[in-house]
Amino acid sequence: MSDTANVTTGKPKKGGAIYRAPFGTVLPKDATSQLSAEFKSLGYCSEDGLKNANSPEIDSKKAWGGDVVLNMQKSKDDKFSFTLIEAMNPEVLKAVYGDNNVEGTLASGIAIKANSDEQEECSWVIELILKGGVLKRIVIPKAKVTEVGDVTYTDEDPVGYETTISATSDTDGQTHYEYIIKKTADTSVGKEN
């Protein structure tokens, strides 16, 4: 039976919803456990939020006369896209340019090297709050930045890094996991910033 209580929006957790850690970091297996200190917050994202493209690519075969007689799955990419708008946050810059290409802090001075070095695979966690305080955590065991959109500098909009990460399968063949739980007095999001 239909139930409007199951219709929701997805808001970011207060203080940031996207976290990144070196590949191999211990991953959470639920929506509420504490994140490892290795996970670094990437701060605010643009109001466009988060998009997940997880659709199979199908090759349809037709019989003589035009009837589709076979649908074969060729691939199933799992990509997440978002725009990081904390353009002065070293963790954001490391995610975009690579860990080895960013040095320093805002106080001491940040140095960025833009080059063709291949991005390292990392582990990612995205934390959301659904309607009624329901907690949702997306855990991406292994993904790397595969696309960064044009960076625009204007006096009207925040500088942002439109970022796409592409997931690859873990040892169990999964590209990401989703955990959802209703928030109670005993339930809280694992890491606050």
C-alpha atoms as a PDB file:
ATOM      1  CA  MET A   1       0.000   0.000   0.000  1.00  0.00           C
ATOM      2  CA  SER A   2       1.220   3.514  -0.758  1.00  0.00           C
ATOM      3  CA  ASP A   3       2.415   5.640   2.159  1.00  0.00           C
ATOM      4  CA  THR A   4       3.366   9.328   1.961  1.00  0.00           C
ATOM      5  CA  ALA A   5       5.537   8.821   5.061  1.00  0.00           C
ATOM      6  CA  ASN A   6       8.018   7.032   2.778  1.00  0.00           C
ATOM      7  CA  VAL A   7       8.416  10.065   0.475  1.00  0.00           C
ATOM      8  CA  THR A   8      11.473  12.127   1.388  1.00  0.00           C
ATOM      9  CA  THR A   9      14.113  14.636   0.454  1.00  0.00           C
ATOM     10  CA  GLY A  10      17.838  14.211   1.092  1.00  0.00           C
ATOM     11  CA  LYS A  11      19.562  16.945   3.070  1.00  0.00           C
ATOM     12  CA  PRO A  12      23.228  17.007   4.023  1.00  0.00           C
ATOM     13  CA  LYS A  13      24.317  16.370   7.551  1.00  0.00           C
ATOM     14  CA  LYS A  14      25.047  19.657   9.319  1.00  0.00           C
ATOM     15  CA  GLY A  15      28.678  20.672   8.857  1.00  0.00           C
ATOM     16  CA  GLY A  16      29.260  18.640   5.701  1.00  0.00           C
ATOM     17  CA  ALA A  17      28.061  15.417   4.177  1.00  0.00           C
ATOM     18  CA  ILE A  18      30.948  14.154   2.037  1.00  0.00           C
ATOM     19  CA  TYR A  19      34.014  12.518   3.567  1.00  0.00           C
ATOM     20  CA  ARG A  20      37.132  11.107   1.919  1.00  0.00           C
ATOM     21  CA  ALA A  21      39.829   8.778   3.279  1.00  0.00           C
ATOM     22  CA  PRO A  22      42.738   6.773   1.883  1.00  0.00           C
ATOM     23  CA  PHE A  23      41.687   3.521   0.242  1.00  0.00           C
ATOM     24  CA  GLY A  24      41.860   0.731   2.813  1.00  0.00           C
ATOM     25  CA  THR A  25      40.517   2.820   5.702  1.00  0.00           C
ATOM     26  CA  VAL A  26      38.107   0.872   7.936  1.00  0.00           C
ATOM     27  CA  LEU A  27      34.604   1.427   6.567  1.00  0.00           C
ATOM     28  CA  PRO A  28      31.390   1.823   8.559  1.00  0.00           C
ATOM     29  CA  LYS A  29      28.816  -0.936   8.144  1.00  0.00           C
ATOM     30  CA  ASP A  30      25.777   0.999   9.349  1.00  0.00           C
ATOM     31  CA  ALA A  31      24.280   4.493   9.331  1.00  0.00           C
ATOM     32  CA  THR A  32      25.426   5.612  12.780  1.00  0.00           C
ATOM     33  CA  SER A  33      28.813   4.255  13.839  1.00  0.00           C
ATOM     34  CA  GLN A  34      31.732   6.634  14.335  1.00  0.00           C
ATOM     35  CA  LEU A  35      33.776   7.310  11.211  1.00  0.00           C
ATOM     36  CA  SER A  36      37.492   6.616  11.364  1.00  0.00           C
ATOM     37  CA  ALA A  37      39.581   9.751  11.931  1.00  0.00           C
ATOM     38  CA  GLU A  38      41.099   9.092   8.489  1.00  0.00           C
ATOM     39  CA  PHE A  39      37.882  10.399   6.907  1.00  0.00           C
ATOM     40  CA  LYS A  40      38.199  14.133   6.222  1.00  0.00           C
ATOM     41  CA  SER A  41      35.183  16.364   5.648  1.00  0.00           C
ATOM     42  CA  LEU A  42      34.966  18.172   2.325  1.00  0.00           C
ATOM     43  CA  GLY A  43      32.646  20.798   3.797  1.00  0.00           C
ATOM     44  CA  TYR A  44      29.835  22.522   1.977  1.00  0.00           C
ATOM     45  CA  CYS A  45      28.507  21.445  -1.410  1.00  0.00           C
ATOM     46  CA  SER A  46      26.437  23.572  -3.759  1.00  0.00           C
ATOM     47  CA  GLU A  47      22.663  23.676  -3.526  1.00  0.00           C
ATOM     48  CA  ASP A  48      22.500  21.244  -6.460  1.00  0.00           C
ATOM     49  CA  GLY A  49      23.217  18.488  -3.946  1.00  0.00           C
ATOM     50  CA  LEU A  50      24.361  14.983  -4.836  1.00  0.00           C
ATOM     51  CA  LYS A  51      23.645  12.931  -7.960  1.00  0.00           C
ATOM     52  CA  ASN A  52      24.194   9.186  -8.350  1.00  0.00           C
ATOM     53  CA  ALA A  53      24.238   7.698 -11.860  1.00  0.00           C
ATOM     54  CA  ASN A  54      23.927   3.929 -11.460  1.00  0.00           C
ATOM     55  CA  SER A  55      22.176   2.767 -14.603  1.00  0.00           C
ATOM     56  CA  PRO A  56      23.083  -0.296 -16.651  1.00  0.00           C
ATOM     57  CA  GLU A  57      24.127   0.048 -20.287  1.00  0.00           C
ATOM     58  CA  ILE A  58      22.071  -2.399 -22.328  1.00  0.00           C
ATOM     59  CA  ASP A  59      22.753  -3.767 -25.799  1.00  0.00           C
ATOM     60  CA  SER A  60      19.454  -4.788 -27.386  1.00  0.00           C
ATOM     61  CA  LYS A  61      19.452  -7.406 -30.137  1.00  0.00           C
ATOM     62  CA  LYS A  62      16.674  -7.479 -32.681  1.00  0.00           C
ATOM     63  CA  ALA A  63      15.282 -10.264 -34.809  1.00  0.00           C
ATOM     64  CA  TRP A  64      14.492  -9.921 -38.457  1.00  0.00           C
ATOM     65  CA  GLY A  65      11.453  -7.693 -38.581  1.00  0.00           C
ATOM     66  CA  GLY A  66      12.542  -5.444 -35.731  1.00  0.00           C
ATOM     67  CA  ASP A  67      11.365  -7.245 -32.583  1.00  0.00           C
ATOM     68  CA  VAL A  68      13.744  -6.953 -29.618  1.00  0.00           C
ATOM     69  CA  VAL A  69      14.589 -10.521 -28.652  1.00  0.00           C
ATOM     70  CA  LEU A  70      17.518 -10.106 -26.259  1.00  0.00           C
ATOM     71  CA  ASN A  71      18.708  -7.418 -23.841  1.00  0.00           C
ATOM     72  CA  MET A  72      22.315  -7.876 -22.689  1.00  0.00           C
ATOM     73  CA  GLN A  73      23.903  -5.777 -19.967  1.00  0.00           C
ATOM     74  CA  LYS A  74      27.237  -4.425 -21.225  1.00  0.00           C
ATOM     75  CA  SER A  75      28.237  -2.414 -18.162  1.00  0.00           C
ATOM     76  CA  LYS A  76      26.891  -0.693 -15.061  1.00  0.00           C
ATOM     77  CA  ASP A  77      28.838   2.394 -14.057  1.00  0.00           C
ATOM     78  CA  ASP A  78      28.336   3.789 -10.557  1.00  0.00           C
ATOM     79  CA  LYS A  79      29.161   7.517 -10.471  1.00  0.00           C
ATOM     80  CA  PHE A  80      28.499  10.251  -7.931  1.00  0.00           C
ATOM     81  CA  SER A  81      28.636  13.954  -8.764  1.00  0.00           C
ATOM     82  CA  PHE A  82      28.580  17.026  -6.545  1.00  0.00           C
ATOM     83  CA  THR A  83      30.062  20.525  -6.474  1.00  0.00           C
ATOM     84  CA  LEU A  84      32.485  21.285  -3.641  1.00  0.00           C
ATOM     85  CA  ILE A  85      32.314  24.990  -2.755  1.00  0.00           C
ATOM     86  CA  GLU A  86      34.904  25.315   0.015  1.00  0.00           C
ATOM     87  CA  ALA A  87      37.546  26.428  -2.481  1.00  0.00           C
ATOM     88  CA  MET A  88      39.994  27.420   0.276  1.00  0.00           C
ATOM     89  CA  ASN A  89      39.762  24.103   2.155  1.00  0.00           C
ATOM     90  CA  PRO A  90      42.984  22.061   1.688  1.00  0.00           C
ATOM     91  CA  GLU A  91      41.015  18.776   1.920  1.00  0.00           C
ATOM     92  CA  VAL A  92      38.815  19.875  -0.993  1.00  0.00           C
ATOM     93  CA  LEU A  93      41.869  20.879  -3.009  1.00  0.00           C
ATOM     94  CA  LYS A  94      43.519  17.512  -2.303  1.00  0.00           C
ATOM     95  CA  ALA A  95      40.376  15.717  -3.489  1.00  0.00           C
ATOM     96  CA  VAL A  96      40.387  17.728  -6.726  1.00  0.00           C
ATOM     97  CA  TYR A  97      44.119  17.971  -7.518  1.00  0.00           C
ATOM     98  CA  GLY A  98      45.474  14.901  -5.695  1.00  0.00           C
ATOM     99  CA  ASP A  99      46.985  14.522  -2.236  1.00  0.00           C
ATOM    100  CA  ASN A 100      50.556  14.899  -3.462  1.00  0.00           C
ATOM    101  CA  ASN A 101      49.761  18.111  -5.337  1.00  0.00           C
ATOM    102  CA  VAL A 102      48.549  20.258  -2.421  1.00  0.00           C
ATOM    103  CA  GLU A 103      50.684  21.493   0.456  1.00  0.00           C
ATOM    104  CA  GLY A 104      50.148  23.846   3.367  1.00  0.00           C
ATOM    105  CA  THR A 105      47.249  25.538   5.080  1.00  0.00           C
ATOM    106  CA  LEU A 106      45.416  28.780   4.506  1.00  0.00           C
ATOM    107  CA  ALA A 107      47.350  30.324   7.419  1.00  0.00           C
ATOM    108  CA  SER A 108      50.781  29.237   6.143  1.00  0.00           C
ATOM    109  CA  GLY A 109      49.925  29.424   2.454  1.00  0.00           C
ATOM    110  CA  ILE A 110      48.594  26.735   0.146  1.00  0.00           C
ATOM    111  CA  ALA A 111      50.608  25.573  -2.865  1.00  0.00           C
ATOM    112  CA  ILE A 112      48.808  23.615  -5.604  1.00  0.00           C
ATOM    113  CA  LYS A 113      50.399  21.772  -8.524  1.00  0.00           C
ATOM    114  CA  ALA A 114      48.137  21.058 -11.501  1.00  0.00           C
ATOM    115  CA  ASN A 115      49.448  18.189 -13.600  1.00  0.00           C
ATOM    116  CA  SER A 116      48.457  14.979 -15.338  1.00  0.00           C
ATOM    117  CA  ASP A 117      49.234  12.678 -12.404  1.00  0.00           C
ATOM    118  CA  GLU A 118      46.576   9.996 -12.094  1.00  0.00           C
ATOM    119  CA  GLN A 119      44.249  10.357  -9.113  1.00  0.00           C
ATOM    120  CA  GLU A 120      44.506   7.776  -6.345  1.00  0.00           C
ATOM    121  CA  GLU A 121      41.513   5.646  -5.417  1.00  0.00           C
ATOM    122  CA  CYS A 122      40.002   6.607  -2.077  1.00  0.00           C
ATOM    123  CA  SER A 123      37.156   5.536   0.187  1.00  0.00           C
ATOM    124  CA  TRP A 124      34.191   7.913   0.423  1.00  0.00           C
ATOM    125  CA  VAL A 125      31.262   8.316   2.821  1.00  0.00           C
ATOM    126  CA  ILE A 126      28.224  10.518   2.226  1.00  0.00           C
ATOM    127  CA  GLU A 127      25.885  11.272   5.126  1.00  0.00           C
ATOM    128  CA  LEU A 128      22.326  12.458   4.606  1.00  0.00           C
ATOM    129  CA  ILE A 129      19.331  13.272   6.746  1.00  0.00           C
ATOM    130  CA  LEU A 130      15.995  12.260   5.283  1.00  0.00           C
ATOM    131  CA  LYS A 131      12.504  13.386   6.311  1.00  0.00           C
ATOM    132  CA  GLY A 132      11.698  12.828   9.976  1.00  0.00           C
ATOM    133  CA  GLY A 133      15.357  12.694  10.989  1.00  0.00           C
ATOM    134  CA  VAL A 134      15.964   9.361   9.241  1.00  0.00           C
ATOM    135  CA  LEU A 135      19.698   8.868   8.749  1.00  0.00           C
ATOM    136  CA  LYS A 136      21.183   7.617   5.496  1.00  0.00           C
ATOM    137  CA  ARG A 137      24.840   6.810   4.904  1.00  0.00           C
ATOM    138  CA  ILE A 138      26.311   5.924   1.516  1.00  0.00           C
ATOM    139  CA  VAL A 139      29.638   4.093   1.730  1.00  0.00           C
ATOM    140  CA  ILE A 140      31.785   3.911  -1.407  1.00  0.00           C
ATOM    141  CA  PRO A 141      34.691   1.564  -0.665  1.00  0.00           C
ATOM    142  CA  LYS A 142      36.786   2.472  -3.710  1.00  0.00           C
ATOM    143  CA  ALA A 143      36.381   5.400  -6.103  1.00  0.00           C
ATOM    144  CA  LYS A 144      38.459   8.120  -7.661  1.00  0.00           C
ATOM    145  CA  VAL A 145      37.845  11.511  -9.175  1.00  0.00           C
ATOM    146  CA  THR A 146      37.289  10.978 -12.891  1.00  0.00           C
ATOM    147  CA  GLU A 147      35.980  14.395 -13.893  1.00  0.00           C
ATOM    148  CA  VAL A 148      36.230  17.987 -12.691  1.00  0.00           C
ATOM    149  CA  GLY A 149      34.125  20.626 -14.424  1.00  0.00           C
ATOM    150  CA  ASP A 150      35.266  24.082 -15.437  1.00  0.00           C
ATOM    151  CA  VAL A 151      36.115  26.276 -12.452  1.00  0.00           C
ATOM    152  CA  THR A 152      34.387  29.645 -12.759  1.00  0.00           C
ATOM    153  CA  TYR A 153      35.401  32.768 -10.847  1.00  0.00           C
ATOM    154  CA  THR A 154      32.661  35.421 -10.662  1.00  0.00           C
ATOM    155  CA  ASP A 155      31.416  37.945  -8.132  1.00  0.00           C
ATOM    156  CA  GLU A 156      27.962  36.311  -8.041  1.00  0.00           C
ATOM    157  CA  ASP A 157      28.540  32.626  -7.267  1.00  0.00           C
ATOM    158  CA  PRO A 158      30.873  30.685  -5.002  1.00  0.00           C
ATOM    159  CA  VAL A 159      33.941  29.147  -6.613  1.00  0.00           C
ATOM    160  CA  GLY A 160      33.135  25.483  -6.978  1.00  0.00           C
ATOM    161  CA  TYR A 161      34.677  22.243  -8.121  1.00  0.00           C
ATOM    162  CA  GLU A 162      32.065  20.218  -9.988  1.00  0.00           C
ATOM    163  CA  THR A 163      33.381  16.760  -9.165  1.00  0.00           C
ATOM    164  CA  THR A 164      32.518  13.283 -10.429  1.00  0.00           C
ATOM    165  CA  ILE A 165      33.817  10.170  -8.723  1.00  0.00           C
ATOM    166  CA  SER A 166      33.597   6.732 -10.309  1.00  0.00           C
ATOM    167  CA  ALA A 167      33.336   3.670  -8.092  1.00  0.00           C
ATOM    168  CA  THR A 168      34.912   0.294  -8.769  1.00  0.00           C
ATOM    169  CA  SER A 169      33.884  -2.996  -7.210  1.00  0.00           C
ATOM    170  CA  ASP A 170      35.223  -4.044  -3.827  1.00  0.00           C
ATOM    171  CA  THR A 171      36.317  -7.614  -3.056  1.00  0.00           C
ATOM    172  CA  ASP A 172      32.639  -8.592  -2.663  1.00  0.00           C
ATOM    173  CA  GLY A 173      31.714  -7.135  -6.072  1.00  0.00           C
ATOM    174  CA  GLN A 174      29.847  -4.121  -4.635  1.00  0.00           C
ATOM    175  CA  THR A 175      30.414  -0.533  -5.847  1.00  0.00           C
ATOM    176  CA  HIS A 176      28.622   1.111  -2.928  1.00  0.00           C
ATOM    177  CA  TYR A 177      26.499   0.372   0.130  1.00  0.00           C
ATOM    178  CA  GLU A 178      23.557   2.306   1.576  1.00  0.00           C
ATOM    179  CA  TYR A 179      22.477   2.206   5.216  1.00  0.00           C
ATOM    180  CA  ILE A 180      19.236   3.808   6.468  1.00  0.00           C
ATOM    181  CA  ILE A 181      17.847   3.973  10.012  1.00  0.00           C
ATOM    182  CA  LYS A 182      15.195   5.963  11.824  1.00  0.00           C
ATOM    183  CA  LYS A 183      16.790   8.315  14.331  1.00  0.00           C
ATOM    184  CA  THR A 184      15.847   7.700  17.966  1.00  0.00           C
ATOM    185  CA  ALA A 185      17.142   9.037  21.275  1.00  0.00           C
ATOM    186  CA  ASP A 186      19.812   6.297  21.147  1.00  0.00           C
ATOM    187  CA  THR A 187      20.758   6.954  17.504  1.00  0.00           C
ATOM    188  CA  SER A 188      23.050   9.732  16.333  1.00  0.00           C
ATOM    189  CA  VAL A 189      25.238  10.388  13.328  1.00  0.00           C
ATOM    190  CA  GLY A 190      28.751   9.032  13.895  1.00  0.00           C
ATOM    191  CA  LYS A 191      30.945  12.081  13.375  1.00  0.00           C
ATOM    192  CA  GLU A 192      30.092  15.699  13.956  1.00  0.00           C
ATOM    193  CA  ASN A 193      32.205  18.597  12.685  1.00  0.00           C
END
